[in-house]
Amino acid sequence: MRHLPLLLLALATLAACSPRRHGPAATAERLDSLFAWRYGSNSSQAPGCAVLISRPDSTIYEHYQGVADLCTQEPIDSATRFCIASVSKQFTVAALLQQAALGRVSLADTVARFYPEYTRPFWNTITLADLAGHTSGLPDARDRSDRDACVHATDSSSILFFADVDSLRFAPGTAYDYQNPTFLLLAGVVEKCSGTDFISYAAANLFGKAGMRSTYYFSPDSAPAHQAHAYAPDDLGARWHEFDYGEETFFATRPDGGIYSTARDMARWQHALAKGRIVPDSLLARARTPRIDVASSPWCDYQQRPHTWYGLGWFVDTTPGAPLKSYHTGDNGGFQAYVAYYPADSLSVVVLENRHDRDRWSMACEIEQILVESGLLHP
């Protein structure tokens, strides 16, 4: 009995140091509170979000908030299609990996093999992996002097500047510098290897294989049902103005950021990848392996945080004491996207928003903490 106080003290200390565990209802309540706080009291009349947290065989949490279109007051729901912006890049990489799996291309191939019109010697030193991993050293020298041309840019017009590039910012493969136009070049490689235009190829071999029936590439000539508009607040935060195609530059380019999708389709994509239905496991593992340190880059500060790396089409977060995750973010006009996958727990997190006035990373960290404390994620 004399040891009982010491035993009780030890148990209390262990309980205090152990992660808290919450049941499904409590976890959902905490997540509901997070998004209620994120958007405020008038969220039902404002742009909002679609959130889906899932495993391959189950939905853990699904949440819809706000309106997809302020003019029609159509609410955001499971059918709402958001621009996922730069999350689109991983689809372009997946298409390239499919061609690699067929032996039609190697990630070590140089750009010069597919674009002989680029004749300067450095094109023979830039690999396709460099294009996919933001390590090409190519400058983004698109002409931004004509705003109308920028707003209505196309895939073809956005790569015209490559022919005039006469030097690199750094030796390929040695540093991280986040680029968009390089993914347009990768789409061209897929077209050359497959003999199919990239948009049709993606529809059949990416969206189709993943069961993504509500996903497509943006076209300024059509607006399918349930396509959300994106919005930005005025300086006082009292009024919203539309902020997507027609208002923001480079909105219509596709292989680097032009996919529209639903939260459910994005979860299908995550789990189809994990099941090996899109690309072989070995190639997916290579794409999600840390390749270049983002935190130490002197060239670019996008996603520049400690323990952040880029693979091929995915960021990788290796923060000690936190669950390993591959993820990507997206920003296009007022659209904001966060899509993460935790391989140890086969868990997917999708957050798609049609407003960009809230900090995304703090939200992602809070979601992760709730999932860890609920026992759904394991550091």
Protein backbone atom coordinates (compact mmCIF):
# COMPACT_ATOMS: atom_id res chain seq x y z
CA MET A 1 0.00 0.00 0.00
CA ARG A 2 2.90 2.33 0.68
CA HIS A 3 3.69 2.27 -3.07
CA LEU A 4 0.14 3.16 -4.11
CA PRO A 5 0.67 6.97 -4.19
CA LEU A 6 3.72 6.50 -6.39
CA LEU A 7 1.75 4.21 -8.70
CA LEU A 8 -1.11 6.68 -8.96
CA LEU A 9 1.35 9.47 -9.68
CA ALA A 10 2.99 7.43 -12.42
CA LEU A 11 -0.37 6.62 -14.02
CA ALA A 12 -1.42 10.25 -13.90
CA THR A 13 1.86 11.30 -15.52
CA LEU A 14 1.46 8.67 -18.23
CA ALA A 15 -2.08 9.82 -18.96
CA ALA A 16 -0.98 13.42 -19.19
CA CYS A 17 1.78 12.58 -21.64
CA SER A 18 -0.30 10.26 -23.81
CA PRO A 19 -2.27 11.57 -26.78
CA ARG A 20 -5.92 12.19 -25.98
CA ARG A 21 -8.39 9.95 -27.72
CA HIS A 22 -11.76 11.16 -28.94
CA GLY A 23 -14.62 9.15 -30.34
CA PRO A 24 -16.08 9.82 -33.80
CA ALA A 25 -18.76 12.19 -32.50
CA ALA A 26 -16.27 14.26 -30.50
CA THR A 27 -13.86 14.35 -33.44
CA ALA A 28 -16.60 15.57 -35.77
CA GLU A 29 -17.65 18.18 -33.20
CA ARG A 30 -14.12 19.52 -32.96
CA LEU A 31 -13.78 19.69 -36.73
CA ASP A 32 -17.18 21.40 -37.01
CA SER A 33 -16.01 23.97 -34.48
CA LEU A 34 -12.81 24.56 -36.42
CA PHE A 35 -14.67 25.42 -39.61
CA ALA A 36 -17.34 27.45 -37.81
CA TRP A 37 -14.55 29.55 -36.28
CA ARG A 38 -12.70 29.72 -39.61
CA TYR A 39 -15.57 31.35 -41.48
CA GLY A 40 -17.52 33.18 -38.79
CA SER A 41 -21.19 33.65 -38.05
CA ASN A 42 -22.40 34.54 -41.56
CA SER A 43 -20.80 31.56 -43.26
CA SER A 44 -24.07 30.26 -44.70
CA GLN A 45 -24.31 33.34 -46.93
CA ALA A 46 -20.65 33.51 -47.94
CA PRO A 47 -18.18 31.44 -49.97
CA GLY A 48 -17.02 28.40 -48.06
CA CYS A 49 -15.60 24.92 -48.35
CA ALA A 50 -15.93 21.22 -48.98
CA VAL A 51 -14.05 18.95 -46.59
CA LEU A 52 -13.61 15.20 -46.78
CA ILE A 53 -11.44 13.05 -44.53
CA SER A 54 -11.45 9.39 -45.46
CA ARG A 55 -9.83 6.00 -45.65
CA PRO A 56 -10.25 3.69 -48.65
CA ASP A 57 -13.22 1.91 -47.10
CA SER A 58 -14.79 4.62 -44.97
CA THR A 59 -15.60 8.29 -44.66
CA ILE A 60 -14.37 9.76 -41.40
CA TYR A 61 -15.68 13.29 -41.79
CA GLU A 62 -17.57 15.13 -44.53
CA HIS A 63 -18.52 18.78 -44.28
CA TYR A 64 -19.96 21.41 -46.62
CA GLN A 65 -20.33 25.06 -45.78
CA GLY A 66 -21.22 28.25 -47.62
CA VAL A 67 -22.34 28.93 -51.17
CA ALA A 68 -20.83 27.98 -54.52
CA ASP A 69 -22.33 30.96 -56.37
CA LEU A 70 -23.30 34.19 -54.65
CA CYS A 71 -25.63 35.19 -57.49
CA THR A 72 -27.73 32.02 -57.46
CA GLN A 73 -27.10 31.17 -53.79
CA GLU A 74 -26.43 27.55 -54.80
CA PRO A 75 -25.07 25.91 -51.64
CA ILE A 76 -21.80 24.04 -51.56
CA ASP A 77 -22.43 20.29 -51.39
CA SER A 78 -20.94 17.00 -52.55
CA ALA A 79 -21.56 17.92 -56.21
CA THR A 80 -19.74 21.28 -56.08
CA ARG A 81 -16.73 21.48 -58.37
CA PHE A 82 -13.82 23.63 -57.26
CA CYS A 83 -10.67 24.59 -59.12
CA ILE A 84 -7.95 22.59 -57.37
CA ALA A 85 -5.27 24.83 -58.89
CA SER A 86 -1.72 23.51 -58.40
CA VAL A 87 -2.94 20.22 -56.97
CA SER A 88 -3.43 19.55 -60.70
CA LYS A 89 0.34 19.15 -61.05
CA GLN A 90 0.33 15.67 -59.54
CA PHE A 91 -2.06 14.51 -62.28
CA THR A 92 0.40 15.65 -64.94
CA VAL A 93 3.18 13.80 -63.13
CA ALA A 94 1.00 10.68 -62.85
CA ALA A 95 0.44 10.76 -66.62
CA LEU A 96 4.19 11.00 -67.14
CA LEU A 97 4.77 8.08 -64.74
CA GLN A 98 2.28 5.99 -66.70
CA GLN A 99 4.35 6.58 -69.83
CA ALA A 100 7.49 5.68 -67.89
CA ALA A 101 5.86 2.44 -66.73
CA LEU A 102 5.21 1.59 -70.39
CA GLY A 103 8.87 2.19 -71.22
CA ARG A 104 8.15 5.11 -73.52
CA VAL A 105 10.04 7.64 -71.47
CA SER A 106 12.51 7.87 -68.61
CA LEU A 107 12.50 10.50 -65.91
CA ALA A 108 16.20 10.89 -66.68
CA ASP A 109 15.48 11.87 -70.28
CA THR A 110 16.39 15.44 -71.08
CA VAL A 111 14.00 18.07 -72.37
CA ALA A 112 16.00 18.29 -75.59
CA ARG A 113 14.86 14.79 -76.58
CA PHE A 114 11.25 15.96 -76.82
CA TYR A 115 11.76 19.60 -77.73
CA PRO A 116 14.57 19.71 -80.32
CA GLU A 117 13.52 23.26 -81.19
CA TYR A 118 15.13 24.37 -77.92
CA THR A 119 18.72 24.42 -79.12
CA ARG A 120 20.71 26.03 -76.33
CA PRO A 121 23.08 23.53 -74.64
CA PHE A 122 21.44 23.72 -71.21
CA TRP A 123 18.32 21.99 -72.53
CA ASN A 124 20.47 18.84 -72.69
CA THR A 125 21.08 19.08 -68.93
CA ILE A 126 17.49 19.52 -67.71
CA THR A 127 15.72 16.22 -67.09
CA LEU A 128 12.01 15.51 -66.98
CA ALA A 129 12.43 14.88 -63.27
CA ASP A 130 13.76 18.41 -62.96
CA LEU A 131 10.65 19.75 -64.70
CA ALA A 132 8.39 17.74 -62.39
CA GLY A 133 10.36 18.56 -59.25
CA HIS A 134 10.83 22.34 -59.57
CA THR A 135 14.59 21.92 -59.95
CA SER A 136 15.03 22.85 -63.62
CA GLY A 137 16.68 26.21 -63.00
CA LEU A 138 14.51 27.70 -65.75
CA PRO A 139 13.27 31.23 -65.06
CA ASP A 140 9.58 31.99 -65.29
CA ALA A 141 10.01 34.75 -67.86
CA ARG A 142 6.45 34.97 -69.13
CA ASP A 143 5.58 38.42 -70.45
CA ARG A 144 3.21 40.05 -67.97
CA SER A 145 3.06 43.47 -69.61
CA ASP A 146 -0.32 42.83 -71.28
CA ARG A 147 -2.81 42.08 -68.53
CA ASP A 148 -5.57 40.98 -70.91
CA ALA A 149 -3.22 38.45 -72.50
CA CYS A 150 -2.30 37.18 -69.04
CA VAL A 151 -5.91 36.87 -67.91
CA HIS A 152 -6.80 34.87 -71.02
CA ALA A 153 -3.56 32.89 -71.27
CA THR A 154 -3.62 29.44 -72.82
CA ASP A 155 -1.39 26.39 -72.54
CA SER A 156 0.32 27.19 -75.85
CA SER A 157 0.79 30.92 -75.23
CA SER A 158 2.22 30.30 -71.76
CA ILE A 159 5.25 28.37 -73.03
CA LEU A 160 6.24 30.61 -75.93
CA PHE A 161 8.85 32.31 -73.76
CA PHE A 162 10.89 29.11 -73.39
CA ALA A 163 12.33 29.55 -76.88
CA ASP A 164 13.93 32.81 -75.78
CA VAL A 165 15.38 31.69 -72.45
CA ASP A 166 19.14 32.12 -72.73
CA SER A 167 20.36 31.09 -69.27
CA LEU A 168 19.38 29.18 -66.13
CA ARG A 169 19.04 30.53 -62.61
CA PHE A 170 21.02 27.57 -61.21
CA ALA A 171 22.36 24.20 -62.27
CA PRO A 172 19.49 21.73 -62.79
CA GLY A 173 18.80 19.49 -59.82
CA THR A 174 20.60 21.65 -57.28
CA ALA A 175 17.84 23.89 -55.88
CA TYR A 176 14.08 24.37 -55.55
CA ASP A 177 12.29 27.11 -57.47
CA TYR A 178 8.54 26.58 -57.80
CA GLN A 179 7.46 26.87 -61.44
CA ASN A 180 4.19 26.50 -63.32
CA PRO A 181 5.10 26.47 -67.05
CA THR A 182 7.38 23.44 -66.76
CA PHE A 183 4.31 21.28 -66.23
CA LEU A 184 2.97 22.43 -69.58
CA LEU A 185 6.15 21.00 -71.12
CA LEU A 186 5.52 17.70 -69.31
CA ALA A 187 2.01 17.54 -70.73
CA GLY A 188 3.57 17.92 -74.18
CA VAL A 189 5.85 14.98 -73.45
CA VAL A 190 2.83 12.85 -72.52
CA GLU A 191 1.18 13.82 -75.80
CA LYS A 192 4.28 12.91 -77.80
CA CYS A 193 4.62 9.54 -76.05
CA SER A 194 0.95 8.56 -76.07
CA GLY A 195 -0.13 10.04 -79.39
CA THR A 196 -3.16 11.53 -77.62
CA ASP A 197 -3.89 15.12 -76.70
CA PHE A 198 -3.25 15.63 -73.02
CA ILE A 199 -6.77 16.58 -71.93
CA SER A 200 -8.30 13.48 -73.54
CA TYR A 201 -5.50 11.34 -72.18
CA ALA A 202 -6.11 12.56 -68.62
CA ALA A 203 -9.86 12.01 -68.88
CA ALA A 204 -9.40 8.38 -69.88
CA ASN A 205 -6.28 7.33 -68.00
CA LEU A 206 -6.39 9.42 -64.83
CA PHE A 207 -9.93 10.54 -64.05
CA GLY A 208 -11.48 7.45 -65.61
CA LYS A 209 -9.26 4.95 -63.79
CA ALA A 210 -9.87 6.68 -60.47
CA GLY A 211 -13.66 6.84 -60.93
CA MET A 212 -13.63 10.65 -60.92
CA ARG A 213 -16.85 11.28 -62.86
CA SER A 214 -17.20 14.92 -61.81
CA THR A 215 -13.66 16.03 -62.68
CA TYR A 216 -12.49 17.89 -65.77
CA TYR A 217 -10.10 20.55 -67.04
CA PHE A 218 -11.36 24.10 -67.16
CA SER A 219 -12.58 25.54 -70.44
CA PRO A 220 -13.58 29.19 -70.82
CA ASP A 221 -16.21 28.08 -73.35
CA SER A 222 -18.27 25.94 -70.95
CA ALA A 223 -19.45 25.96 -67.36
CA PRO A 224 -20.76 22.55 -66.28
CA ALA A 225 -23.40 22.34 -63.58
CA HIS A 226 -22.23 22.91 -60.02
CA GLN A 227 -19.01 24.65 -61.07
CA ALA A 228 -18.22 27.00 -58.20
CA HIS A 229 -17.17 30.60 -58.56
CA ALA A 230 -14.34 31.90 -56.42
CA TYR A 231 -14.41 35.14 -54.47
CA ALA A 232 -12.23 37.64 -52.67
CA PRO A 233 -13.33 40.11 -50.00
CA ASP A 234 -13.05 43.86 -50.39
CA ASP A 235 -10.58 45.81 -48.25
CA LEU A 236 -13.05 46.00 -45.37
CA GLY A 237 -14.09 42.36 -45.66
CA ALA A 238 -17.74 43.41 -45.97
CA ARG A 239 -18.40 42.54 -49.60
CA TRP A 240 -17.29 39.79 -51.94
CA HIS A 241 -16.28 40.15 -55.56
CA GLU A 242 -15.86 37.35 -58.07
CA PHE A 243 -12.24 36.37 -58.48
CA ASP A 244 -11.67 33.61 -61.01
CA TYR A 245 -11.50 33.43 -64.81
CA GLY A 246 -11.64 36.92 -66.25
CA GLU A 247 -10.33 38.51 -63.07
CA GLU A 248 -7.13 36.60 -62.31
CA THR A 249 -4.11 35.92 -64.52
CA PHE A 250 -3.05 32.53 -65.91
CA PHE A 251 -6.33 31.02 -64.79
CA ALA A 252 -6.99 28.90 -67.84
CA THR A 253 -3.73 26.95 -68.19
CA ARG A 254 -4.46 23.33 -67.44
CA PRO A 255 -1.60 20.87 -66.77
CA ASP A 256 -0.23 23.15 -64.06
CA GLY A 257 -3.48 24.16 -62.38
CA GLY A 258 -6.66 23.84 -64.41
CA ILE A 259 -8.56 20.89 -62.93
CA TYR A 260 -12.03 21.30 -61.41
CA SER A 261 -13.10 18.54 -59.04
CA THR A 262 -15.26 17.66 -56.06
CA ALA A 263 -14.08 16.68 -52.60
CA ARG A 264 -15.36 13.14 -53.13
CA ASP A 265 -13.54 12.80 -56.45
CA MET A 266 -10.31 14.02 -54.88
CA ALA A 267 -10.63 11.38 -52.17
CA ARG A 268 -11.20 8.78 -54.90
CA TRP A 269 -7.99 9.97 -56.54
CA GLN A 270 -5.99 9.62 -53.34
CA HIS A 271 -7.17 6.10 -52.68
CA ALA A 272 -6.85 4.99 -56.31
CA LEU A 273 -3.21 6.05 -56.19
CA ALA A 274 -2.68 4.17 -52.93
CA LYS A 275 -4.21 1.01 -54.40
CA GLY A 276 -1.88 1.10 -57.42
CA ARG A 277 -4.68 1.68 -59.93
CA ILE A 278 -3.04 4.74 -61.51
CA VAL A 279 0.73 4.10 -61.50
CA PRO A 280 2.92 1.28 -60.16
CA ASP A 281 3.71 1.53 -56.46
CA SER A 282 7.44 1.88 -57.10
CA LEU A 283 6.98 4.93 -59.30
CA LEU A 284 4.49 6.53 -56.93
CA ALA A 285 6.94 5.99 -54.08
CA ARG A 286 9.63 7.73 -56.12
CA ALA A 287 7.35 10.69 -56.80
CA ARG A 288 6.58 11.02 -53.08
CA THR A 289 10.16 10.61 -51.91
CA PRO A 290 11.85 13.82 -50.69
CA ARG A 291 14.03 14.99 -53.56
CA ILE A 292 14.88 18.65 -52.94
CA ASP A 293 14.85 20.65 -49.73
CA VAL A 294 12.28 23.43 -49.90
CA ALA A 295 13.23 25.09 -46.63
CA SER A 296 16.75 26.02 -47.69
CA SER A 297 15.95 27.39 -51.15
CA PRO A 298 17.34 30.87 -51.84
CA TRP A 299 15.13 31.14 -54.95
CA CYS A 300 11.56 30.62 -53.77
CA ASP A 301 9.57 30.87 -50.55
CA TYR A 302 6.42 28.98 -51.58
CA GLN A 303 5.73 26.41 -48.83
CA GLN A 304 9.11 27.28 -47.34
CA ARG A 305 8.95 25.69 -43.88
CA PRO A 306 11.36 23.47 -41.95
CA HIS A 307 11.22 19.76 -42.87
CA THR A 308 9.44 20.49 -46.16
CA TRP A 309 10.64 18.77 -49.31
CA TYR A 310 9.44 18.37 -52.86
CA GLY A 311 9.38 15.09 -54.72
CA LEU A 312 7.81 14.91 -58.18
CA GLY A 313 4.40 16.56 -58.12
CA TRP A 314 4.08 16.34 -54.35
CA PHE A 315 5.39 18.15 -51.30
CA VAL A 316 6.54 15.90 -48.46
CA ASP A 317 6.42 16.93 -44.81
CA THR A 318 8.93 15.09 -42.62
CA THR A 319 8.46 17.08 -39.38
CA PRO A 320 9.86 15.04 -36.46
CA GLY A 321 7.15 13.82 -34.10
CA ALA A 322 4.41 14.41 -36.70
CA PRO A 323 2.85 11.94 -39.13
CA LEU A 324 4.62 11.73 -42.47
CA LYS A 325 2.49 13.18 -45.23
CA SER A 326 2.62 13.92 -48.93
CA TYR A 327 0.48 16.85 -49.92
CA HIS A 328 -0.07 19.71 -52.29
CA THR A 329 -1.64 23.11 -52.07
CA GLY A 330 -3.37 25.11 -54.75
CA ASP A 331 -4.15 28.79 -55.26
CA ASN A 332 -5.95 30.23 -58.27
CA GLY A 333 -7.91 33.44 -57.99
CA GLY A 334 -10.11 33.00 -54.92
CA PHE A 335 -9.81 29.21 -54.95
CA GLN A 336 -7.67 27.59 -52.28
CA ALA A 337 -6.99 23.86 -52.00
CA TYR A 338 -5.24 21.54 -49.59
CA VAL A 339 -4.97 17.81 -50.33
CA ALA A 340 -2.86 15.56 -48.09
CA TYR A 341 -2.23 11.84 -47.77
CA TYR A 342 -0.86 10.03 -44.72
CA PRO A 343 0.54 6.70 -45.95
CA ALA A 344 1.04 5.07 -42.54
CA ASP A 345 -2.67 5.36 -41.79
CA SER A 346 -4.02 5.30 -45.39
CA LEU A 347 -5.82 8.52 -44.58
CA SER A 348 -6.74 11.32 -46.98
CA VAL A 349 -7.59 14.93 -46.14
CA VAL A 350 -9.24 17.14 -48.78
CA VAL A 351 -10.17 20.78 -48.20
CA LEU A 352 -11.42 22.80 -51.18
CA GLU A 353 -12.41 26.45 -50.74
CA ASN A 354 -13.82 29.15 -53.00
CA ARG A 355 -12.38 31.94 -50.86
CA HIS A 356 -8.76 32.73 -50.03
CA ASP A 357 -9.01 35.00 -47.00
CA ARG A 358 -8.05 32.48 -44.30
CA ASP A 359 -4.65 30.99 -43.49
CA ARG A 360 -4.47 27.51 -44.92
CA TRP A 361 -1.48 26.07 -43.11
CA SER A 362 -2.75 26.79 -39.61
CA MET A 363 -5.99 25.05 -40.61
CA ALA A 364 -4.07 22.03 -41.92
CA CYS A 365 -2.08 21.81 -38.69
CA GLU A 366 -5.22 22.02 -36.58
CA ILE A 367 -6.92 19.26 -38.59
CA GLU A 368 -3.85 17.09 -38.19
CA GLN A 369 -3.72 17.67 -34.45
CA ILE A 370 -7.37 16.74 -34.04
CA LEU A 371 -6.82 13.54 -36.03
CA VAL A 372 -3.75 12.64 -33.98
CA GLU A 373 -5.58 13.21 -30.71
CA SER A 374 -8.48 11.11 -31.97
CA GLY A 375 -6.14 8.22 -32.72
CA LEU A 376 -6.82 8.33 -36.45
CA LEU A 377 -3.26 9.46 -37.23
CA HIS A 378 -0.09 8.17 -35.65
CA PRO A 379 3.17 10.15 -35.47
